[in-house]
């Protein structure tokens, strides 16, 4: 068809049509025909190749997501929260801990197997998230109902000051608590007869009390909650003290054994007077 039209134009004397143009037009006609003949075969091939590539991408993405998910689960399992269950003291004495559904300590029982009458328990009844029965709070100030004692806490709930106002039987006192990186590093107690100072160093492991109990409670009930060091983030490894009575210096060093997750399982410590003690700790895991 194209050839006939070109021949007709040449026969009429159309000077614009040359043999070179005729060759180009014939070449283009051949190219178009060739492409039309190949398309039915090439298009399915390309579509099949693209489908295979897309399928490989989907499988790769799914595999990556699966591996990432498994890795995340492994990390979560490795970092499972452990709560203190029992402190095993010397001579068979032990202390047990109970918690509420918010992982706060609600009861502490110290058992003397050979002297049951000496055994005792402390119960913590909470009002809201961070207060106990028998206490009132106004801002950052906590008052112990029926006593001359007031407590000041910081934004994180750590006790930073405790004041016992003077009474007919007591000259009163002021206690100051200083923290660094969530650890109690200095304690200063001012009495009418002198000032006591205790400084502490800590490890970088999980605290024995890795729970949600309000921090100030650990300092207000130190005998019921031993080894808490004011609710510190880590564990006390060394203390240095100056006595308020005579200014004498004392020091204690604590040596720990840890489990694979960094929780203390055993502690040994002594003082300058040659005294030596050791206790062990048991935990249980929570989700």
Protein backbone atom coordinates (compact mmCIF):
# COMPACT_ATOMS: atom_id res chain seq x y z
CA UNK A 1 0.00 0.00 0.00
CA UNK A 2 2.74 2.45 1.00
CA UNK A 3 4.82 1.45 -1.98
CA UNK A 4 1.93 2.08 -4.38
CA UNK A 5 1.29 5.52 -2.99
CA UNK A 6 4.97 6.46 -3.28
CA UNK A 7 5.14 5.19 -6.85
CA UNK A 8 2.08 7.22 -7.73
CA UNK A 9 3.62 10.39 -6.28
CA UNK A 10 6.86 9.84 -8.22
CA UNK A 11 4.96 9.32 -11.46
CA UNK A 12 3.29 12.72 -10.91
CA UNK A 13 6.66 14.36 -10.49
CA UNK A 14 6.73 14.79 -6.69
CA UNK A 15 10.31 15.94 -6.15
CA UNK A 16 10.13 15.54 -2.30
CA UNK A 17 10.08 11.71 -2.46
CA UNK A 18 13.49 10.11 -2.90
CA UNK A 19 14.74 6.54 -2.82
CA UNK A 20 16.20 7.18 0.58
CA UNK A 21 12.75 8.07 1.95
CA UNK A 22 11.26 5.02 0.27
CA UNK A 23 13.82 2.83 2.07
CA UNK A 24 13.01 4.43 5.42
CA UNK A 25 9.28 3.91 5.00
CA UNK A 26 9.72 0.30 3.97
CA UNK A 27 12.03 -0.27 6.94
CA UNK A 28 9.47 1.23 9.36
CA UNK A 29 6.70 -0.89 7.80
CA UNK A 30 8.81 -4.01 8.34
CA UNK A 31 9.56 -3.01 11.97
CA UNK A 32 5.87 -2.48 12.73
CA UNK A 33 4.91 -5.83 11.26
CA UNK A 34 7.69 -7.58 13.15
CA UNK A 35 6.62 -5.98 16.47
CA UNK A 36 2.99 -6.96 15.91
CA UNK A 37 4.00 -10.54 15.24
CA UNK A 38 6.19 -10.71 18.40
CA UNK A 39 3.86 -8.93 20.87
CA UNK A 40 1.56 -11.91 21.47
CA UNK A 41 4.65 -13.91 22.52
CA UNK A 42 6.67 -11.25 24.34
CA UNK A 43 3.89 -9.75 26.50
CA UNK A 44 3.06 -13.04 28.30
CA UNK A 45 6.80 -13.59 28.82
CA UNK A 46 7.27 -10.16 30.41
CA UNK A 47 4.12 -10.54 32.46
CA UNK A 48 5.30 -13.94 33.69
CA UNK A 49 8.73 -12.50 34.59
CA UNK A 50 7.16 -9.58 36.44
CA UNK A 51 4.86 -11.95 38.31
CA UNK A 52 7.84 -14.04 39.36
CA UNK A 53 9.72 -10.95 40.55
CA UNK A 54 6.67 -9.70 42.46
CA UNK A 55 6.22 -13.13 44.05
CA UNK A 56 9.87 -13.19 45.13
CA UNK A 57 9.50 -9.70 46.65
CA UNK A 58 6.39 -10.71 48.59
CA UNK A 59 8.07 -13.87 49.91
CA UNK A 60 11.16 -11.87 50.88
CA UNK A 61 9.09 -9.26 52.75
CA UNK A 62 7.08 -11.91 54.59
CA UNK A 63 10.25 -13.78 55.56
CA UNK A 64 11.85 -10.57 56.86
CA UNK A 65 8.73 -9.75 58.91
CA UNK A 66 8.66 -13.27 60.34
CA UNK A 67 12.33 -13.17 61.35
CA UNK A 68 11.90 -9.71 62.88
CA UNK A 69 8.85 -10.88 64.82
CA UNK A 70 10.68 -13.95 66.13
CA UNK A 71 13.66 -11.84 67.13
CA UNK A 72 11.36 -9.44 68.98
CA UNK A 73 9.74 -12.32 70.87
CA UNK A 74 13.16 -13.65 71.85
CA UNK A 75 14.14 -10.24 73.22
CA UNK A 76 10.88 -9.97 75.16
CA UNK A 77 11.36 -13.43 76.63
CA UNK A 78 14.93 -12.61 77.63
CA UNK A 79 13.80 -9.40 79.35
CA UNK A 80 10.87 -10.90 81.25
CA UNK A 81 10.18 -8.98 84.45
CA UNK A 82 11.23 -10.75 87.63
CA UNK A 83 9.72 -9.88 90.99
CA UNK A 84 11.35 -10.68 94.30
CA UNK A 85 9.66 -13.69 95.86
CA UNK A 86 11.83 -14.65 98.85
CA UNK A 87 14.85 -13.44 100.80
CA UNK A 88 16.58 -16.34 102.51
CA UNK A 89 18.41 -15.13 105.60
CA UNK A 90 20.80 -17.07 107.80
CA UNK A 91 19.62 -19.67 110.32
CA UNK A 92 16.60 -20.60 108.19
CA UNK A 93 14.88 -17.23 108.54
CA UNK A 94 13.18 -16.02 105.34
CA UNK A 95 11.06 -13.13 104.07
CA UNK A 96 8.23 -13.58 101.56
CA UNK A 97 6.66 -10.93 99.30
CA UNK A 98 3.16 -10.65 97.84
CA UNK A 99 2.03 -8.29 95.05
CA UNK A 100 -1.15 -6.83 93.60
CA UNK A 101 -2.10 -6.82 89.91
CA UNK A 102 -0.03 -3.65 89.42
CA UNK A 103 3.15 -5.39 90.64
CA UNK A 104 3.22 -3.39 93.88
CA UNK A 105 4.21 -5.03 97.14
CA UNK A 106 1.14 -5.51 99.34
CA UNK A 107 2.50 -7.80 102.05
CA UNK A 108 5.87 -8.71 103.51
CA UNK A 109 6.15 -11.63 105.93
CA UNK A 110 9.32 -12.51 107.83
CA UNK A 111 9.23 -16.04 109.17
CA UNK A 112 11.27 -17.47 112.05
CA UNK A 113 10.69 -21.25 111.71
CA UNK A 114 12.00 -22.03 115.20
CA UNK A 115 10.22 -19.13 116.88
CA UNK A 116 6.84 -18.50 115.27
CA UNK A 117 5.89 -15.86 117.83
CA UNK A 118 8.72 -13.70 116.54
CA UNK A 119 7.42 -13.89 112.95
CA UNK A 120 5.68 -10.75 111.71
CA UNK A 121 4.06 -9.23 108.62
CA UNK A 122 3.70 -5.75 107.16
CA UNK A 123 0.67 -4.97 105.00
CA UNK A 124 0.49 -2.10 102.49
CA UNK A 125 -3.00 -0.86 101.60
CA UNK A 126 -2.88 1.55 98.68
CA UNK A 127 -4.96 4.65 98.03
CA UNK A 128 -4.71 5.34 94.32
CA UNK A 129 -1.38 4.61 92.67
CA UNK A 130 1.20 6.01 95.07
CA UNK A 131 -0.25 6.53 98.55
CA UNK A 132 -0.88 4.26 101.52
CA UNK A 133 -3.57 4.23 104.16
CA UNK A 134 -2.45 6.34 107.11
CA UNK A 135 -0.86 8.97 104.86
CA UNK A 136 -2.15 12.18 103.27
CA UNK A 137 -0.71 13.94 100.25
CA UNK A 138 -0.72 17.58 99.20
CA UNK A 139 1.32 18.11 96.05
CA UNK A 140 4.78 16.71 96.68
CA UNK A 141 4.33 16.66 100.46
CA UNK A 142 3.15 13.53 102.26
CA UNK A 143 2.01 13.72 105.88
CA UNK A 144 1.98 10.76 108.21
CA UNK A 145 -1.40 11.02 109.92
CA UNK A 146 -1.18 11.38 113.68
CA UNK A 147 2.58 12.01 113.75
CA UNK A 148 4.89 15.05 113.43
CA UNK A 149 6.46 13.50 110.30
CA UNK A 150 6.28 15.02 106.82
CA UNK A 151 7.85 13.64 103.64
CA UNK A 152 8.80 15.45 100.45
CA UNK A 153 9.05 13.49 97.19
CA UNK A 154 10.28 14.45 93.72
CA UNK A 155 8.48 13.99 90.39
CA UNK A 156 9.65 10.36 90.13
CA UNK A 157 8.32 9.55 93.60
CA UNK A 158 11.68 9.32 95.36
CA UNK A 159 11.83 10.63 98.92
CA UNK A 160 14.11 13.67 98.99
CA UNK A 161 13.38 14.94 102.52
CA UNK A 162 11.92 13.62 105.75
CA UNK A 163 11.28 15.93 108.70
CA UNK A 164 10.29 14.94 112.23
CA UNK A 165 9.18 18.07 114.04
CA UNK A 166 10.34 18.50 117.67
CA UNK A 167 8.04 17.12 120.37
CA UNK A 168 8.05 16.94 124.15
CA UNK A 169 10.10 13.73 123.96
CA UNK A 170 12.21 14.32 120.84
CA UNK A 171 14.36 17.10 119.53
CA UNK A 172 13.29 16.36 115.97
CA UNK A 173 15.39 15.63 112.89
CA UNK A 174 15.80 16.43 109.23
CA UNK A 175 16.91 13.82 106.68
CA UNK A 176 18.04 14.72 103.16
CA UNK A 177 18.33 12.18 100.30
CA UNK A 178 20.32 12.82 97.14
CA UNK A 179 20.10 10.75 93.93
CA UNK A 180 22.00 10.25 90.72
CA UNK A 181 20.74 8.20 87.74
CA UNK A 182 17.94 6.79 89.88
CA UNK A 183 20.25 5.71 92.72
CA UNK A 184 20.49 7.05 96.27
CA UNK A 185 24.08 8.28 96.53
CA UNK A 186 24.02 10.41 99.69
CA UNK A 187 22.01 10.46 102.89
CA UNK A 188 22.38 13.25 105.47
CA UNK A 189 20.59 13.13 108.83
CA UNK A 190 20.66 16.18 111.10
CA UNK A 191 19.89 15.66 114.78
CA UNK A 192 20.23 17.91 117.82
CA UNK A 193 23.31 15.92 118.88
CA UNK A 194 25.10 15.72 115.53
CA UNK A 195 24.95 14.94 111.82
CA UNK A 196 25.25 11.54 110.15
CA UNK A 197 26.31 11.12 106.52
CA UNK A 198 26.19 7.98 104.37
CA UNK A 199 27.38 7.79 100.75
CA UNK A 200 26.75 4.86 98.43
CA UNK A 201 28.04 3.34 95.18
CA UNK A 202 26.01 1.06 92.94
CA UNK A 203 26.36 -1.62 90.28
CA UNK A 204 24.67 -1.51 86.84
CA UNK A 205 22.41 -4.55 87.31
CA UNK A 206 18.69 -4.99 88.00
CA UNK A 207 17.55 -3.89 91.44
CA UNK A 208 16.44 -6.63 93.81
CA UNK A 209 13.13 -4.75 94.00
CA UNK A 210 12.34 -4.46 90.30
CA UNK A 211 8.65 -3.69 90.94
CA UNK A 212 6.15 -0.80 90.82
CA UNK A 213 6.03 -0.07 94.54
CA UNK A 214 6.21 3.74 95.06
CA UNK A 215 9.85 4.67 95.71
CA UNK A 216 9.31 6.67 98.89
CA UNK A 217 7.86 3.62 100.65
CA UNK A 218 11.24 1.86 100.61
CA UNK A 219 12.80 4.61 102.73
CA UNK A 220 9.90 4.93 105.13
CA UNK A 221 9.84 1.15 105.78
CA UNK A 222 13.54 0.18 105.51
CA UNK A 223 13.31 -2.73 107.96
CA UNK A 224 10.33 -4.31 106.21
CA UNK A 225 11.96 -3.81 102.79
CA UNK A 226 15.67 -4.56 103.31
CA UNK A 227 18.39 -4.03 100.66
CA UNK A 228 16.19 -1.53 98.79
CA UNK A 229 18.52 1.45 99.26
CA UNK A 230 15.67 3.93 98.93
CA UNK A 231 14.15 2.26 95.87
CA UNK A 232 17.34 2.72 93.88
CA UNK A 233 17.45 1.60 90.26
CA UNK A 234 20.56 -0.52 90.87
CA UNK A 235 22.15 -2.35 93.81
CA UNK A 236 24.33 -0.89 96.53
CA UNK A 237 27.89 -2.25 96.36
CA UNK A 238 29.67 0.03 98.84
CA UNK A 239 28.74 2.43 101.64
CA UNK A 240 30.79 4.88 103.63
CA UNK A 241 29.36 6.44 106.79
CA UNK A 242 30.09 9.08 109.41
CA UNK A 243 28.40 8.61 112.77
CA UNK A 244 26.27 11.39 114.25
CA UNK A 245 27.27 10.33 117.76
CA UNK A 246 31.06 10.52 117.65
CA UNK A 247 31.99 11.26 114.02
CA UNK A 248 33.56 7.82 113.58
CA UNK A 249 33.97 6.43 110.04
CA UNK A 250 32.58 3.11 108.83
CA UNK A 251 32.51 1.23 105.56
CA UNK A 252 30.71 -1.80 104.13
CA UNK A 253 31.28 -3.67 100.86
CA UNK A 254 28.62 -5.83 99.19
CA UNK A 255 29.50 -8.68 96.84
CA UNK A 256 26.77 -10.05 94.56
CA UNK A 257 26.16 -13.12 92.46
CA UNK A 258 23.80 -12.55 89.50
CA UNK A 259 21.71 -14.78 87.26
CA UNK A 260 21.90 -14.69 83.45
CA UNK A 261 19.43 -11.79 83.30
CA UNK A 262 21.38 -9.58 85.72
CA UNK A 263 19.26 -10.11 88.85
CA UNK A 264 21.10 -10.59 92.17
CA UNK A 265 20.73 -14.12 93.54
CA UNK A 266 23.20 -13.92 96.44
CA UNK A 267 24.88 -11.21 98.48
CA UNK A 268 27.72 -11.24 101.01
CA UNK A 269 28.87 -8.23 103.00
CA UNK A 270 30.78 -7.21 106.08
CA UNK A 271 31.89 -4.17 108.06
CA UNK A 272 34.99 -2.74 109.71
CA UNK A 273 34.20 -4.59 112.93
CA UNK A 274 34.64 -8.01 111.37
CA UNK A 275 30.94 -8.79 111.12
CA UNK A 276 29.90 -10.85 108.11
CA UNK A 277 26.50 -11.77 106.64
CA UNK A 278 25.00 -13.39 103.56
CA UNK A 279 21.52 -13.85 102.10
CA UNK A 280 20.07 -15.22 98.87
CA UNK A 281 17.17 -14.08 96.68
CA UNK A 282 14.48 -15.94 94.72
CA UNK A 283 12.27 -14.47 92.00
CA UNK A 284 9.28 -15.30 89.88
CA UNK A 285 8.55 -14.07 86.36
CA UNK A 286 5.55 -11.97 85.32
CA UNK A 287 4.31 -10.97 81.89
